[in-house]
Amino acid sequence: DDAPDPIINTCNGFYCDYFSPNKPYKPTMWTEAWTGWFT
């Protein structure tokens, strides 16, 4: 969440619709949408 500019902070999880980047000029990115889970 505290990724300094110009780094884009992103979301990982089963859901990321709650997520917003830490600056209003950064895109909303989901780097890990978990399709399942490990065994």
Full PDB file with SEQRES, HELIX, SHEET, SSBOND, CRYST1, ORIGX, SCALE, CONECT and MASTER records, all heavy atoms in Angstrom:
SEQRES   1 A   39  ASP ASP ALA PRO ASP PRO ILE ILE ASN THR CYS ASN GLY          
SEQRES   2 A   39  PHE TYR CYS ASP TYR PHE SER PRO ASN LYS PRO TYR LYS          
SEQRES   3 A   39  PRO THR MET TRP THR GLU ALA TRP THR GLY TRP PHE THR          
SHEET    1 AA1 2 CYS A  11  GLY A  13  0                                        
SHEET    2 AA1 2 TRP A  30  ALA A  33  1                                        
SSBOND   1 CYS A   11    CYS A   16                          1555   1555  1.98  
CRYST1    1.000    1.000    1.000  90.00  90.00  90.00 P 1           1          
ORIGX1      1.000000  0.000000  0.000000        0.00000                         
ORIGX2      0.000000  1.000000  0.000000        0.00000                         
ORIGX3      0.000000  0.000000  1.000000        0.00000                         
SCALE1      1.000000  0.000000  0.000000        0.00000                         
SCALE2      0.000000  1.000000  0.000000        0.00000                         
SCALE3      0.000000  0.000000  1.000000        0.00000                         
ATOM      1  N   ASP A   1       0.809  -1.216   0.000  1.00  0.00           N  
ATOM      2  CA  ASP A   1       0.000   0.000   0.000  1.00  0.00           C  
ATOM      3  C   ASP A   1       0.842   1.267   0.000  1.00  0.00           C  
ATOM      4  O   ASP A   1       0.373   2.320  -0.447  1.00  0.00           O  
ATOM      5  CB  ASP A   1      -0.939   0.010   1.208  1.00  0.00           C  
ATOM      6  CG  ASP A   1      -2.027  -1.052   1.109  1.00  0.00           C  
ATOM      7  OD1 ASP A   1      -2.264  -1.548  -0.013  1.00  0.00           O  
ATOM      8  OD2 ASP A   1      -2.629  -1.388   2.145  1.00  0.00           O  
ATOM      9  N   ASP A   2       2.076   1.193   0.509  1.00  0.00           N  
ATOM     10  CA  ASP A   2       2.919   2.381   0.554  1.00  0.00           C  
ATOM     11  C   ASP A   2       3.968   2.399  -0.555  1.00  0.00           C  
ATOM     12  O   ASP A   2       4.999   3.052  -0.430  1.00  0.00           O  
ATOM     13  CB  ASP A   2       3.593   2.509   1.917  1.00  0.00           C  
ATOM     14  CG  ASP A   2       4.490   1.314   2.249  1.00  0.00           C  
ATOM     15  OD1 ASP A   2       4.481   0.325   1.485  1.00  0.00           O  
ATOM     16  OD2 ASP A   2       5.198   1.374   3.273  1.00  0.00           O  
ATOM     17  N   ALA A   3       3.700   1.683  -1.654  1.00  0.00           N  
ATOM     18  CA  ALA A   3       4.646   1.677  -2.773  1.00  0.00           C  
ATOM     19  C   ALA A   3       4.902   3.101  -3.235  1.00  0.00           C  
ATOM     20  O   ALA A   3       3.969   3.824  -3.587  1.00  0.00           O  
ATOM     21  CB  ALA A   3       4.098   0.830  -3.919  1.00  0.00           C  
ATOM     22  N   PRO A   4       6.166   3.548  -3.248  1.00  0.00           N  
ATOM     23  CA  PRO A   4       6.450   4.938  -3.619  1.00  0.00           C  
ATOM     24  C   PRO A   4       6.344   5.155  -5.126  1.00  0.00           C  
ATOM     25  O   PRO A   4       6.575   4.240  -5.911  1.00  0.00           O  
ATOM     26  CB  PRO A   4       7.890   5.133  -3.132  1.00  0.00           C  
ATOM     27  CG  PRO A   4       8.490   3.770  -3.149  1.00  0.00           C  
ATOM     28  CD  PRO A   4       7.372   2.810  -2.830  1.00  0.00           C  
ATOM     29  N   ASP A   5       5.986   6.363  -5.510  1.00  0.00           N  
ATOM     30  CA  ASP A   5       5.945   6.702  -6.926  1.00  0.00           C  
ATOM     31  C   ASP A   5       7.325   6.505  -7.556  1.00  0.00           C  
ATOM     32  O   ASP A   5       8.344   6.721  -6.904  1.00  0.00           O  
ATOM     33  CB  ASP A   5       5.530   8.168  -7.109  1.00  0.00           C  
ATOM     34  CG  ASP A   5       4.066   8.402  -6.797  1.00  0.00           C  
ATOM     35  OD1 ASP A   5       3.338   7.414  -6.660  1.00  0.00           O  
ATOM     36  OD2 ASP A   5       3.662   9.573  -6.668  1.00  0.00           O  
ATOM     37  N   PRO A   6       7.350   6.061  -8.819  1.00  0.00           N  
ATOM     38  CA  PRO A   6       6.234   5.802  -9.719  1.00  0.00           C  
ATOM     39  C   PRO A   6       5.753   4.353  -9.706  1.00  0.00           C  
ATOM     40  O   PRO A   6       5.052   3.922 -10.606  1.00  0.00           O  
ATOM     41  CB  PRO A   6       6.833   6.141 -11.081  1.00  0.00           C  
ATOM     42  CG  PRO A   6       8.250   5.673 -10.953  1.00  0.00           C  
ATOM     43  CD  PRO A   6       8.647   5.989  -9.537  1.00  0.00           C  
ATOM     44  N   ILE A   7       6.147   3.595  -8.684  1.00  0.00           N  
ATOM     45  CA  ILE A   7       5.750   2.189  -8.597  1.00  0.00           C  
ATOM     46  C   ILE A   7       4.235   2.085  -8.427  1.00  0.00           C  
ATOM     47  O   ILE A   7       3.635   2.808  -7.628  1.00  0.00           O  
ATOM     48  CB  ILE A   7       6.455   1.499  -7.413  1.00  0.00           C  
ATOM     49  CG1 ILE A   7       7.965   1.693  -7.471  1.00  0.00           C  
ATOM     50  CG2 ILE A   7       6.100   0.021  -7.372  1.00  0.00           C  
ATOM     51  CD1 ILE A   7       8.651   1.027  -8.620  1.00  0.00           C  
ATOM     52  N   ILE A   8       3.606   1.150  -9.151  1.00  0.00           N  
ATOM     53  CA  ILE A   8       2.169   0.909  -9.029  1.00  0.00           C  
ATOM     54  C   ILE A   8       1.947  -0.161  -7.961  1.00  0.00           C  
ATOM     55  O   ILE A   8       2.534  -1.243  -8.040  1.00  0.00           O  
ATOM     56  CB  ILE A   8       1.576   0.415 -10.359  1.00  0.00           C  
ATOM     57  CG1 ILE A   8       1.933   1.356 -11.515  1.00  0.00           C  
ATOM     58  CG2 ILE A   8       0.062   0.262 -10.245  1.00  0.00           C  
ATOM     59  CD1 ILE A   8       1.622   0.767 -12.883  1.00  0.00           C  
ATOM     60  N   ASN A   9       1.141   0.134  -6.965  1.00  0.00           N  
ATOM     61  CA  ASN A   9       0.770  -0.915  -6.004  1.00  0.00           C  
ATOM     62  C   ASN A   9      -0.433  -1.680  -6.533  1.00  0.00           C  
ATOM     63  O   ASN A   9      -1.331  -1.103  -7.150  1.00  0.00           O  
ATOM     64  CB  ASN A   9       0.508  -0.339  -4.620  1.00  0.00           C  
ATOM     65  CG  ASN A   9      -0.702   0.572  -4.568  1.00  0.00           C  
ATOM     66  OD1 ASN A   9      -0.774   1.552  -5.299  1.00  0.00           O  
ATOM     67  ND2 ASN A   9      -1.650   0.260  -3.687  1.00  0.00           N  
ATOM     68  N   THR A  10      -0.435  -2.992  -6.325  1.00  0.00           N  
ATOM     69  CA  THR A  10      -1.455  -3.862  -6.917  1.00  0.00           C  
ATOM     70  C   THR A  10      -2.018  -4.806  -5.866  1.00  0.00           C  
ATOM     71  O   THR A  10      -1.491  -4.938  -4.762  1.00  0.00           O  
ATOM     72  CB  THR A  10      -0.870  -4.677  -8.081  1.00  0.00           C  
ATOM     73  OG1 THR A  10       0.093  -5.608  -7.560  1.00  0.00           O  
ATOM     74  CG2 THR A  10      -0.191  -3.792  -9.111  1.00  0.00           C  
ATOM     75  N   CYS A  11      -3.072  -5.510  -6.255  1.00  0.00           N  
ATOM     76  CA  CYS A  11      -3.811  -6.386  -5.342  1.00  0.00           C  
ATOM     77  C   CYS A  11      -3.573  -7.845  -5.694  1.00  0.00           C  
ATOM     78  O   CYS A  11      -3.420  -8.199  -6.865  1.00  0.00           O  
ATOM     79  CB  CYS A  11      -5.304  -6.064  -5.445  1.00  0.00           C  
ATOM     80  SG  CYS A  11      -6.368  -7.018  -4.321  1.00  0.00           S  
ATOM     81  N   ASN A  12      -3.542  -8.712  -4.683  1.00  0.00           N  
ATOM     82  CA  ASN A  12      -3.566 -10.166  -4.831  1.00  0.00           C  
ATOM     83  C   ASN A  12      -4.691 -10.711  -3.960  1.00  0.00           C  
ATOM     84  O   ASN A  12      -4.887 -10.229  -2.839  1.00  0.00           O  
ATOM     85  CB  ASN A  12      -2.258 -10.812  -4.365  1.00  0.00           C  
ATOM     86  CG  ASN A  12      -1.066 -10.444  -5.224  1.00  0.00           C  
ATOM     87  OD1 ASN A  12      -1.199  -9.866  -6.298  1.00  0.00           O  
ATOM     88  ND2 ASN A  12       0.122 -10.780  -4.748  1.00  0.00           N  
ATOM     89  N   GLY A  13      -5.398 -11.736  -4.432  1.00  0.00           N  
ATOM     90  CA  GLY A  13      -6.414 -12.333  -3.589  1.00  0.00           C  
ATOM     91  C   GLY A  13      -7.473 -13.063  -4.390  1.00  0.00           C  
ATOM     92  O   GLY A  13      -7.442 -13.103  -5.618  1.00  0.00           O  
ATOM     93  N   PHE A  14      -8.435 -13.648  -3.664  1.00  0.00           N  
ATOM     94  CA  PHE A  14      -9.574 -14.280  -4.320  1.00  0.00           C  
ATOM     95  C   PHE A  14     -10.516 -13.233  -4.908  1.00  0.00           C  
ATOM     96  O   PHE A  14     -11.184 -13.477  -5.914  1.00  0.00           O  
ATOM     97  CB  PHE A  14     -10.338 -15.167  -3.337  1.00  0.00           C  
ATOM     98  CG  PHE A  14      -9.596 -16.420  -2.943  1.00  0.00           C  
ATOM     99  CD1 PHE A  14      -9.239 -16.647  -1.620  1.00  0.00           C  
ATOM    100  CD2 PHE A  14      -9.255 -17.367  -3.890  1.00  0.00           C  
ATOM    101  CE1 PHE A  14      -8.564 -17.803  -1.255  1.00  0.00           C  
ATOM    102  CE2 PHE A  14      -8.578 -18.529  -3.538  1.00  0.00           C  
ATOM    103  CZ  PHE A  14      -8.228 -18.742  -2.213  1.00  0.00           C  
ATOM    104  N   TYR A  15     -10.560 -12.063  -4.259  1.00  0.00           N  
ATOM    105  CA  TYR A  15     -11.376 -10.944  -4.736  1.00  0.00           C  
ATOM    106  C   TYR A  15     -10.557  -9.668  -4.572  1.00  0.00           C  
ATOM    107  O   TYR A  15      -9.825  -9.517  -3.592  1.00  0.00           O  
ATOM    108  CB  TYR A  15     -12.666 -10.810  -3.935  1.00  0.00           C  
ATOM    109  CG  TYR A  15     -13.493 -12.069  -3.880  1.00  0.00           C  
ATOM    110  CD1 TYR A  15     -13.350 -12.968  -2.831  1.00  0.00           C  
ATOM    111  CD2 TYR A  15     -14.415 -12.363  -4.878  1.00  0.00           C  
ATOM    112  CE1 TYR A  15     -14.094 -14.129  -2.778  1.00  0.00           C  
ATOM    113  CE2 TYR A  15     -15.172 -13.528  -4.831  1.00  0.00           C  
ATOM    114  CZ  TYR A  15     -15.002 -14.409  -3.783  1.00  0.00           C  
ATOM    115  OH  TYR A  15     -15.738 -15.562  -3.731  1.00  0.00           O  
ATOM    116  N   CYS A  16     -10.694  -8.741  -5.517  1.00  0.00           N  
ATOM    117  CA  CYS A  16      -9.980  -7.468  -5.412  1.00  0.00           C  
ATOM    118  C   CYS A  16     -10.860  -6.281  -5.792  1.00  0.00           C  
ATOM    119  O   CYS A  16     -10.351  -5.200  -6.072  1.00  0.00           O  
ATOM    120  CB  CYS A  16      -8.716  -7.487  -6.277  1.00  0.00           C  
ATOM    121  SG  CYS A  16      -7.309  -8.318  -5.480  1.00  0.00           S  
ATOM    122  N   ASP A  17     -12.189  -6.452  -5.795  1.00  0.00           N  
ATOM    123  CA  ASP A  17     -13.062  -5.335  -6.131  1.00  0.00           C  
ATOM    124  C   ASP A  17     -13.037  -4.246  -5.065  1.00  0.00           C  
ATOM    125  O   ASP A  17     -13.431  -3.108  -5.320  1.00  0.00           O  
ATOM    126  CB  ASP A  17     -14.494  -5.817  -6.351  1.00  0.00           C  
ATOM    127  CG  ASP A  17     -15.020  -6.628  -5.182  1.00  0.00           C  
ATOM    128  OD1 ASP A  17     -14.563  -7.778  -4.996  1.00  0.00           O  
ATOM    129  OD2 ASP A  17     -15.873  -6.120  -4.440  1.00  0.00           O  
ATOM    130  N   TYR A  18     -12.546  -4.572  -3.863  1.00  0.00           N  
ATOM    131  CA  TYR A  18     -12.430  -3.589  -2.783  1.00  0.00           C  
ATOM    132  C   TYR A  18     -11.217  -2.687  -2.945  1.00  0.00           C  
ATOM    133  O   TYR A  18     -11.094  -1.662  -2.293  1.00  0.00           O  
ATOM    134  CB  TYR A  18     -12.304  -4.305  -1.434  1.00  0.00           C  
ATOM    135  CG  TYR A  18     -11.028  -5.112  -1.330  1.00  0.00           C  
ATOM    136  CD1 TYR A  18      -9.837  -4.547  -0.881  1.00  0.00           C  
ATOM    137  CD2 TYR A  18     -11.001  -6.443  -1.742  1.00  0.00           C  
ATOM    138  CE1 TYR A  18      -8.663  -5.279  -0.830  1.00  0.00           C  
ATOM    139  CE2 TYR A  18      -9.831  -7.183  -1.690  1.00  0.00           C  
ATOM    140  CZ  TYR A  18      -8.669  -6.597  -1.239  1.00  0.00           C  
ATOM    141  OH  TYR A  18      -7.508  -7.321  -1.197  1.00  0.00           O  
ATOM    142  N   PHE A  19     -10.302  -3.033  -3.842  1.00  0.00           N  
ATOM    143  CA  PHE A  19      -8.972  -2.432  -3.889  1.00  0.00           C  
ATOM    144  C   PHE A  19      -8.951  -1.134  -4.687  1.00  0.00           C  
ATOM    145  O   PHE A  19      -9.596  -1.024  -5.741  1.00  0.00           O  
ATOM    146  CB  PHE A  19      -7.985  -3.422  -4.512  1.00  0.00           C  
ATOM    147  CG  PHE A  19      -6.628  -2.843  -4.822  1.00  0.00           C  
ATOM    148  CD1 PHE A  19      -5.703  -2.634  -3.811  1.00  0.00           C  
ATOM    149  CD2 PHE A  19      -6.289  -2.488  -6.123  1.00  0.00           C  
ATOM    150  CE1 PHE A  19      -4.459  -2.090  -4.095  1.00  0.00           C  
ATOM    151  CE2 PHE A  19      -5.047  -1.957  -6.414  1.00  0.00           C  
ATOM    152  CZ  PHE A  19      -4.128  -1.756  -5.398  1.00  0.00           C  
ATOM    153  N   SER A  20      -8.176  -0.166  -4.176  1.00  0.00           N  
ATOM    154  CA  SER A  20      -7.869   1.055  -4.921  1.00  0.00           C  
ATOM    155  C   SER A  20      -6.378   1.327  -4.784  1.00  0.00           C  
ATOM    156  O   SER A  20      -5.796   1.098  -3.713  1.00  0.00           O  
ATOM    157  CB  SER A  20      -8.653   2.255  -4.378  1.00  0.00           C  
ATOM    158  OG  SER A  20     -10.042   2.078  -4.575  1.00  0.00           O  
ATOM    159  N   PRO A  21      -5.731   1.814  -5.840  1.00  0.00           N  
ATOM    160  CA  PRO A  21      -4.301   2.131  -5.737  1.00  0.00           C  
ATOM    161  C   PRO A  21      -4.065   3.294  -4.785  1.00  0.00           C  
ATOM    162  O   PRO A  21      -5.001   4.028  -4.425  1.00  0.00           O  
ATOM    163  CB  PRO A  21      -3.923   2.483  -7.179  1.00  0.00           C  
ATOM    164  CG  PRO A  21      -5.196   2.882  -7.839  1.00  0.00           C  
ATOM    165  CD  PRO A  21      -6.276   2.074  -7.185  1.00  0.00           C  
ATOM    166  N   ASN A  22      -2.813   3.451  -4.380  1.00  0.00           N  
ATOM    167  CA  ASN A  22      -2.523   4.442  -3.341  1.00  0.00           C  
ATOM    168  C   ASN A  22      -2.437   5.876  -3.844  1.00  0.00           C  
ATOM    169  O   ASN A  22      -2.289   6.801  -3.052  1.00  0.00           O  
ATOM    170  CB  ASN A  22      -1.241   4.076  -2.579  1.00  0.00           C  
ATOM    171  CG  ASN A  22      -0.008   4.052  -3.468  1.00  0.00           C  
ATOM    172  OD1 ASN A  22      -0.029   4.513  -4.609  1.00  0.00           O  
ATOM    173  ND2 ASN A  22       1.083   3.509  -2.948  1.00  0.00           N  
ATOM    174  N   LYS A  23      -2.520   6.065  -5.160  1.00  0.00           N  
ATOM    175  CA  LYS A  23      -2.552   7.411  -5.725  1.00  0.00           C  
ATOM    176  C   LYS A  23      -3.622   7.454  -6.824  1.00  0.00           C  
ATOM    177  O   LYS A  23      -3.818   6.465  -7.546  1.00  0.00           O  
ATOM    178  CB  LYS A  23      -1.186   7.793  -6.307  1.00  0.00           C  
ATOM    179  CG  LYS A  23      -0.082   7.922  -5.270  1.00  0.00           C  
ATOM    180  CD  LYS A  23      -0.311   9.111  -4.353  1.00  0.00           C  
ATOM    181  CE  LYS A  23       0.736   9.157  -3.236  1.00  0.00           C  
ATOM    182  NZ  LYS A  23       2.097   9.337  -3.747  1.00  0.00           N  
ATOM    183  N   PRO A  24      -4.298   8.577  -6.968  1.00  0.00           N  
ATOM    184  CA  PRO A  24      -5.408   8.642  -7.927  1.00  0.00           C  
ATOM    185  C   PRO A  24      -4.976   8.592  -9.387  1.00  0.00           C  
ATOM    186  O   PRO A  24      -5.826   8.446 -10.266  1.00  0.00           O  
ATOM    187  CB  PRO A  24      -6.066   9.992  -7.606  1.00  0.00           C  
ATOM    188  CG  PRO A  24      -4.991  10.809  -6.971  1.00  0.00           C  
ATOM    189  CD  PRO A  24      -4.148   9.838  -6.198  1.00  0.00           C  
ATOM    190  N   TYR A  25      -3.678   8.689  -9.649  1.00  0.00           N  
ATOM    191  CA  TYR A  25      -3.211   8.657 -11.035  1.00  0.00           C  
ATOM    192  C   TYR A  25      -2.598   7.309 -11.409  1.00  0.00           C  
ATOM    193  O   TYR A  25      -1.921   7.185 -12.422  1.00  0.00           O  
ATOM    194  CB  TYR A  25      -2.208   9.783 -11.298  1.00  0.00           C  
ATOM    195  CG  TYR A  25      -1.188   9.999 -10.201  1.00  0.00           C  
ATOM    196  CD1 TYR A  25      -0.090   9.155 -10.037  1.00  0.00           C  
ATOM    197  CD2 TYR A  25      -1.345  11.053  -9.309  1.00  0.00           C  
ATOM    198  CE1 TYR A  25       0.831   9.355  -9.029  1.00  0.00           C  
ATOM    199  CE2 TYR A  25      -0.429  11.267  -8.290  1.00  0.00           C  
ATOM    200  CZ  TYR A  25       0.658  10.421  -8.158  1.00  0.00           C  
ATOM    201  OH  TYR A  25       1.572  10.628  -7.146  1.00  0.00           O  
ATOM    202  N   LYS A  26      -2.848   6.289 -10.586  1.00  0.00           N  
ATOM    203  CA  LYS A  26      -2.356   4.944 -10.896  1.00  0.00           C  
ATOM    204  C   LYS A  26      -3.526   4.040 -11.280  1.00  0.00           C  
ATOM    205  O   LYS A  26      -4.637   4.185 -10.753  1.00  0.00           O  
ATOM    206  CB  LYS A  26      -1.614   4.349  -9.695  1.00  0.00           C  
ATOM    207  CG  LYS A  26      -0.347   5.105  -9.311  1.00  0.00           C  
ATOM    208  CD  LYS A  26       0.326   4.494  -8.084  1.00  0.00           C  
ATOM    209  CE  LYS A  26       1.577   5.280  -7.694  1.00  0.00           C  
ATOM    210  NZ  LYS A  26       2.242   4.728  -6.487  1.00  0.00           N  
ATOM    211  N   PRO A  27      -3.294   3.079 -12.175  1.00  0.00           N  
ATOM    212  CA  PRO A  27      -4.372   2.170 -12.582  1.00  0.00           C  
ATOM    213  C   PRO A  27      -4.678   1.132 -11.511  1.00  0.00           C  
ATOM    214  O   PRO A  27      -3.852   0.857 -10.634  1.00  0.00           O  
ATOM    215  CB  PRO A  27      -3.815   1.510 -13.841  1.00  0.00           C  
ATOM    216  CG  PRO A  27      -2.332   1.517 -13.631  1.00  0.00           C  
ATOM    217  CD  PRO A  27      -2.032   2.797 -12.883  1.00  0.00           C  
ATOM    218  N   THR A  28      -5.857   0.554 -11.584  1.00  0.00           N  
ATOM    219  CA  THR A  28      -6.289  -0.474 -10.640  1.00  0.00           C  
ATOM    220  C   THR A  28      -5.955  -1.836 -11.226  1.00  0.00           C  
ATOM    221  O   THR A  28      -6.551  -2.259 -12.217  1.00  0.00           O  
ATOM    222  CB  THR A  28      -7.801  -0.342 -10.372  1.00  0.00           C  
ATOM    223  OG1 THR A  28      -8.078   0.979  -9.899  1.00  0.00           O  
ATOM    224  CG2 THR A  28      -8.257  -1.351  -9.338  1.00  0.00           C  
ATOM    225  N   MET A  29      -4.998  -2.525 -10.589  1.00  0.00           N  
ATOM    226  CA  MET A  29      -4.435  -3.751 -11.149  1.00  0.00           C  
ATOM    227  C   MET A  29      -4.529  -4.899 -10.147  1.00  0.00           C  
ATOM    228  O   MET A  29      -4.311  -4.719  -8.949  1.00  0.00           O  
ATOM    229  CB  MET A  29      -2.967  -3.527 -11.566  1.00  0.00           C  
ATOM    230  CG  MET A  29      -2.784  -2.445 -12.614  1.00  0.00           C  
ATOM    231  SD  MET A  29      -1.037  -2.153 -13.021  1.00  0.00           S  
ATOM    232  CE  MET A  29      -0.597  -3.732 -13.735  1.00  0.00           C  
ATOM    233  N   TRP A  30      -4.803  -6.078 -10.674  1.00  0.00           N  
ATOM    234  CA  TRP A  30      -4.953  -7.302  -9.870  1.00  0.00           C  
ATOM    235  C   TRP A  30      -3.902  -8.283 -10.381  1.00  0.00           C  
ATOM    236  O   TRP A  30      -4.086  -8.934 -11.398  1.00  0.00           O  
ATOM    237  CB  TRP A  30      -6.369  -7.841 -10.067  1.00  0.00           C  
ATOM    238  CG  TRP A  30      -6.799  -8.940  -9.166  1.00  0.00           C  
ATOM    239  CD1 TRP A  30      -6.082  -9.566  -8.186  1.00  0.00           C  
ATOM    240  CD2 TRP A  30      -8.093  -9.566  -9.166  1.00  0.00           C  
ATOM    241  NE1 TRP A  30      -6.836 -10.530  -7.574  1.00  0.00           N  
ATOM    242  CE2 TRP A  30      -8.071 -10.554  -8.144  1.00  0.00           C  
ATOM    243  CE3 TRP A  30      -9.249  -9.384  -9.921  1.00  0.00           C  
ATOM    244  CZ2 TRP A  30      -9.185 -11.358  -7.895  1.00  0.00           C  
ATOM    245  CZ3 TRP A  30     -10.345 -10.186  -9.651  1.00  0.00           C  
ATOM    246  CH2 TRP A  30     -10.320 -11.159  -8.652  1.00  0.00           C  
ATOM    247  N   THR A  31      -2.795  -8.392  -9.665  1.00  0.00           N  
ATOM    248  CA  THR A  31      -1.672  -9.205 -10.142  1.00  0.00           C  
ATOM    249  C   THR A  31      -1.817 -10.689  -9.840  1.00  0.00           C  
ATOM    250  O   THR A  31      -1.116 -11.512 -10.437  1.00  0.00           O  
ATOM    251  CB  THR A  31      -0.340  -8.703  -9.555  1.00  0.00           C  
ATOM    252  OG1 THR A  31      -0.537  -8.310  -8.194  1.00  0.00           O  
ATOM    253  CG2 THR A  31       0.195  -7.526 -10.349  1.00  0.00           C  
ATOM    254  N   GLU A  32      -2.694 -11.047  -8.891  1.00  0.00           N  
ATOM    255  CA  GLU A  32      -2.943 -12.464  -8.617  1.00  0.00           C  
ATOM    256  C   GLU A  32      -4.425 -12.674  -8.323  1.00  0.00           C  
ATOM    257  O   GLU A  32      -4.878 -12.455  -7.202  1.00  0.00           O  
ATOM    258  CB  GLU A  32      -2.108 -12.985  -7.442  1.00  0.00           C  
ATOM    259  CG  GLU A  32      -0.626 -13.066  -7.728  1.00  0.00           C  
ATOM    260  CD  GLU A  32       0.152 -13.738  -6.603  1.00  0.00           C  
ATOM    261  OE1 GLU A  32      -0.485 -14.397  -5.745  1.00  0.00           O  
ATOM    262  OE2 GLU A  32       1.386 -13.587  -6.574  1.00  0.00           O  
ATOM    263  N   ALA A  33      -5.164 -13.075  -9.349  1.00  0.00           N  
ATOM    264  CA  ALA A  33      -6.537 -13.551  -9.155  1.00  0.00           C  
ATOM    265  C   ALA A  33      -6.445 -15.061  -9.009  1.00  0.00           C  
ATOM    266  O   ALA A  33      -6.189 -15.772  -9.977  1.00  0.00           O  
ATOM    267  CB  ALA A  33      -7.412 -13.167 -10.344  1.00  0.00           C  
ATOM    268  N   TRP A  34      -6.627 -15.541  -7.799  1.00  0.00           N  
ATOM    269  CA  TRP A  34      -6.329 -16.943  -7.493  1.00  0.00           C  
ATOM    270  C   TRP A  34      -7.392 -17.857  -8.093  1.00  0.00           C  
ATOM    271  O   TRP A  34      -8.561 -17.826  -7.712  1.00  0.00           O  
ATOM    272  CB  TRP A  34      -6.232 -17.131  -5.983  1.00  0.00           C  
ATOM    273  CG  TRP A  34      -5.097 -16.326  -5.390  1.00  0.00           C  
ATOM    274  CD1 TRP A  34      -3.947 -15.942  -6.011  1.00  0.00           C  
ATOM    275  CD2 TRP A  34      -5.028 -15.792  -4.061  1.00  0.00           C  
ATOM    276  NE1 TRP A  34      -3.152 -15.204  -5.153  1.00  0.00           N  
ATOM    277  CE2 TRP A  34      -3.788 -15.095  -3.944  1.00  0.00           C  
ATOM    278  CE3 TRP A  34      -5.876 -15.839  -2.959  1.00  0.00           C  
ATOM    279  CZ2 TRP A  34      -3.396 -14.453  -2.776  1.00  0.00           C  
ATOM    280  CZ3 TRP A  34      -5.486 -15.194  -1.785  1.00  0.00           C  
ATOM    281  CH2 TRP A  34      -4.258 -14.522  -1.704  1.00  0.00           C  
ATOM    282  N   THR A  35      -6.964 -18.687  -9.056  1.00  0.00           N  
ATOM    283  CA  THR A  35      -7.889 -19.586  -9.754  1.00  0.00           C  
ATOM    284  C   THR A  35      -8.244 -20.808  -8.929  1.00  0.00           C  
ATOM    285  O   THR A  35      -9.189 -21.531  -9.258  1.00  0.00           O  
ATOM    286  CB  THR A  35      -7.276 -20.055 -11.076  1.00  0.00           C  
ATOM    287  OG1 THR A  35      -6.043 -20.745 -10.804  1.00  0.00           O  
ATOM    288  CG2 THR A  35      -6.991 -18.880 -12.000  1.00  0.00           C  
ATOM    289  N   GLY A  36      -7.494 -21.058  -7.899  1.00  0.00           N  
ATOM    290  CA  GLY A  36      -7.705 -22.187  -7.003  1.00  0.00           C  
ATOM    291  C   GLY A  36      -6.789 -21.990  -5.816  1.00  0.00           C  
ATOM    292  O   GLY A  36      -6.668 -20.890  -5.286  1.00  0.00           O  
ATOM    293  N   TRP A  37      -6.097 -23.069  -5.439  1.00  0.00           N  
ATOM    294  CA  TRP A  37      -5.163 -22.980  -4.312  1.00  0.00           C  
ATOM    295  C   TRP A  37      -4.190 -24.139  -4.451  1.00  0.00           C  
ATOM    296  O   TRP A  37      -4.451 -25.111  -5.167  1.00  0.00           O  
ATOM    297  CB  TRP A  37      -5.903 -23.042  -2.990  1.00  0.00           C  
ATOM    298  CG  TRP A  37      -5.153 -22.492  -1.807  1.00  0.00           C  
ATOM    299  CD1 TRP A  37      -4.748 -23.180  -0.703  1.00  0.00           C  
ATOM    300  CD2 TRP A  37      -4.736 -21.132  -1.600  1.00  0.00           C  
ATOM    301  NE1 TRP A  37      -4.115 -22.351   0.190  1.00  0.00           N  
ATOM    302  CE2 TRP A  37      -4.089 -21.074  -0.349  1.00  0.00           C  
ATOM    303  CE3 TRP A  37      -4.832 -19.959  -2.363  1.00  0.00           C  
ATOM    304  CZ2 TRP A  37      -3.546 -19.899   0.168  1.00  0.00           C  
ATOM    305  CZ3 TRP A  37      -4.296 -18.793  -1.849  1.00  0.00           C  
ATOM    306  CH2 TRP A  37      -3.669 -18.755  -0.603  1.00  0.00           C  
ATOM    307  N   PHE A  38      -3.071 -24.044  -3.764  1.00  0.00           N  
ATOM    308  CA  PHE A  38      -2.070 -25.105  -3.847  1.00  0.00           C  
ATOM    309  C   PHE A  38      -2.472 -26.318  -3.016  1.00  0.00           C  
ATOM    310  O   PHE A  38      -3.294 -26.229  -2.107  1.00  0.00           O  
ATOM    311  CB  PHE A  38      -0.698 -24.587  -3.396  1.00  0.00           C  
ATOM    312  CG  PHE A  38      -0.656 -24.090  -1.975  1.00  0.00           C  
ATOM    313  CD1 PHE A  38      -0.470 -24.967  -0.917  1.00  0.00           C  
ATOM    314  CD2 PHE A  38      -0.788 -22.736  -1.698  1.00  0.00           C  
ATOM    315  CE1 PHE A  38      -0.427 -24.518   0.396  1.00  0.00           C  
ATOM    316  CE2 PHE A  38      -0.746 -22.263  -0.387  1.00  0.00           C  
ATOM    317  CZ  PHE A  38      -0.570 -23.162   0.651  1.00  0.00           C  
ATOM    318  N   THR A  39      -1.867 -27.453  -3.347  1.00  0.00           N  
ATOM    319  CA  THR A  39      -2.086 -28.696  -2.608  1.00  0.00           C  
ATOM    320  C   THR A  39      -0.875 -28.986  -1.740  1.00  0.00           C  
ATOM    321  O   THR A  39       0.269 -28.809  -2.178  1.00  0.00           O  
ATOM    322  CB  THR A  39      -2.313 -29.867  -3.579  1.00  0.00           C  
ATOM    323  OG1 THR A  39      -3.457 -29.590  -4.384  1.00  0.00           O  
ATOM    324  CG2 THR A  39      -2.534 -31.171  -2.823  1.00  0.00           C  
TER     325      THR A  39                                                      
CONECT   80  121                                                                
CONECT  121   80                                                                
MASTER        0    0    0    0    2    0    0    6  324    1    2    3          
END                                                                             
